[in-house]
Protein backbone atom coordinates (compact mmCIF):
# COMPACT_ATOMS: atom_id res chain seq x y z
CA UNK A 1 130.88 28.82 36.98
CA UNK A 2 129.50 27.54 33.60
CA UNK A 3 128.34 29.76 30.96
CA UNK A 4 124.31 29.68 30.25
CA UNK A 5 124.77 30.25 26.64
CA UNK A 6 127.40 27.54 25.03
CA UNK A 7 126.82 27.44 21.51
CA UNK A 8 123.99 27.47 18.88
CA UNK A 9 122.63 23.88 18.29
CA UNK A 10 120.47 22.31 15.45
CA UNK A 11 117.17 21.38 16.92
CA UNK A 12 116.37 17.72 15.72
CA UNK A 13 112.42 17.67 16.82
CA UNK A 14 110.14 19.15 19.39
CA UNK A 15 108.95 16.70 22.06
CA UNK A 16 105.46 17.43 22.78
CA UNK A 17 105.07 21.23 23.67
CA UNK A 18 107.48 21.65 26.50
CA UNK A 19 110.81 19.75 25.29
CA UNK A 20 113.14 19.88 22.17
CA UNK A 21 116.00 17.47 21.19
CA UNK A 22 119.04 19.06 19.83
CA UNK A 23 122.30 17.87 18.12
CA UNK A 24 124.98 18.23 20.45
CA UNK A 25 128.72 18.46 19.13
CA UNK A 26 132.14 17.91 20.57
CA UNK A 27 132.52 17.27 24.34
CA UNK A 28 128.97 17.98 25.11
CA UNK A 29 127.74 15.00 22.62
CA UNK A 30 127.98 12.70 25.61
CA UNK A 31 125.13 14.71 27.37
CA UNK A 32 121.43 14.26 27.23
CA UNK A 33 120.30 16.15 24.07
CA UNK A 34 116.68 16.91 25.38
CA UNK A 35 115.95 20.29 26.86
CA UNK A 36 113.11 22.16 28.16
CA UNK A 37 111.99 24.74 25.55
CA UNK A 38 112.17 27.72 28.08
CA UNK A 39 115.86 27.29 27.71
CA UNK A 40 116.02 27.58 23.98
CA UNK A 41 116.32 31.09 22.39
CA UNK A 42 116.65 32.22 18.92
CA UNK A 43 120.04 32.51 17.39
CA UNK A 44 120.99 35.54 15.62
CA UNK A 45 124.34 35.74 13.61
CA UNK A 46 126.95 37.83 15.56
CA UNK A 47 130.55 38.22 15.80
CA UNK A 48 132.50 35.59 18.04
CA UNK A 49 133.23 38.11 20.61
CA UNK A 50 129.71 38.16 21.62
CA UNK A 51 129.61 34.38 22.26
CA UNK A 52 130.57 33.89 25.86
CA UNK A 53 132.13 30.67 25.54
CA UNK A 54 134.47 31.97 22.95
CA UNK A 55 135.91 35.06 24.96
CA UNK A 56 139.63 35.22 25.75
CA UNK A 57 139.06 35.40 29.47
CA UNK A 58 136.37 34.72 31.92
CA UNK A 59 138.05 36.78 34.72
CA UNK A 60 136.90 40.00 36.10
CA UNK A 61 138.34 43.24 35.19
CA UNK A 62 141.24 44.53 37.25
CA UNK A 63 140.72 47.54 39.74
CA UNK A 64 141.35 50.75 38.04
CA UNK A 65 143.47 53.16 39.97
CA UNK A 66 141.82 56.73 39.78
CA UNK A 67 144.33 59.39 39.35
CA UNK A 68 142.54 62.14 41.64
CA UNK A 69 141.99 59.60 44.43
CA UNK A 70 142.75 61.40 47.65
CA UNK A 71 144.48 58.29 49.31
CA UNK A 72 143.51 55.14 50.83
CA UNK A 73 139.96 53.96 51.47
CA UNK A 74 138.69 54.46 55.05
CA UNK A 75 135.40 52.73 54.61
CA UNK A 76 132.62 51.99 52.09
CA UNK A 77 129.56 54.02 53.12
CA UNK A 78 127.01 52.79 50.24
CA UNK A 79 126.66 50.87 47.02
CA UNK A 80 124.30 50.73 44.34
CA UNK A 81 123.71 48.52 41.05
CA UNK A 82 123.42 50.65 37.73
CA UNK A 83 122.96 49.26 34.10
CA UNK A 84 125.09 50.64 31.46
CA UNK A 85 125.34 49.70 27.97
CA UNK A 86 123.09 46.55 28.71
CA UNK A 87 125.54 45.55 31.51
CA UNK A 88 125.18 45.44 35.48
CA UNK A 89 127.72 47.66 37.39
CA UNK A 90 128.27 48.30 40.93
CA UNK A 91 128.98 51.62 42.14
CA UNK A 92 130.50 52.35 45.61
CA UNK A 93 130.35 55.72 47.77
CA UNK A 94 133.74 55.80 49.56
CA UNK A 95 135.08 57.74 52.38
CA UNK A 96 139.03 58.13 52.14
CA UNK A 97 141.21 58.36 55.18
CA UNK A 98 142.04 61.84 56.16
CA UNK A 99 138.74 63.30 54.41
CA UNK A 100 135.29 64.86 55.69
CA UNK A 101 132.27 63.60 54.81
CA UNK A 102 131.69 66.34 52.45
CA UNK A 103 134.57 64.84 50.11
CA UNK A 104 133.01 61.46 49.88
CA UNK A 105 133.26 59.92 46.30
């Protein structure tokens, strides 16, 4: 999967109302430099950790073992998506083996 945002590029010119020509650098310089304006967004100076293509790793976080876990999971009852700190997270309602329904977490 490729990042939707690679790096900031200089806009050379506006082509009509719907396209821009950008100055591509590095290995992207061999690509066609004209893009729809809908894909262009303003650049704001930030730390390098906020640019996805410069992150150390693109792997998902490892599963975290919960210390008060009552044992192995018997079944996933439900799931939901929530948004915390502008990031999407999935939460699961789980039934553990040898536990009653009122102990679901």
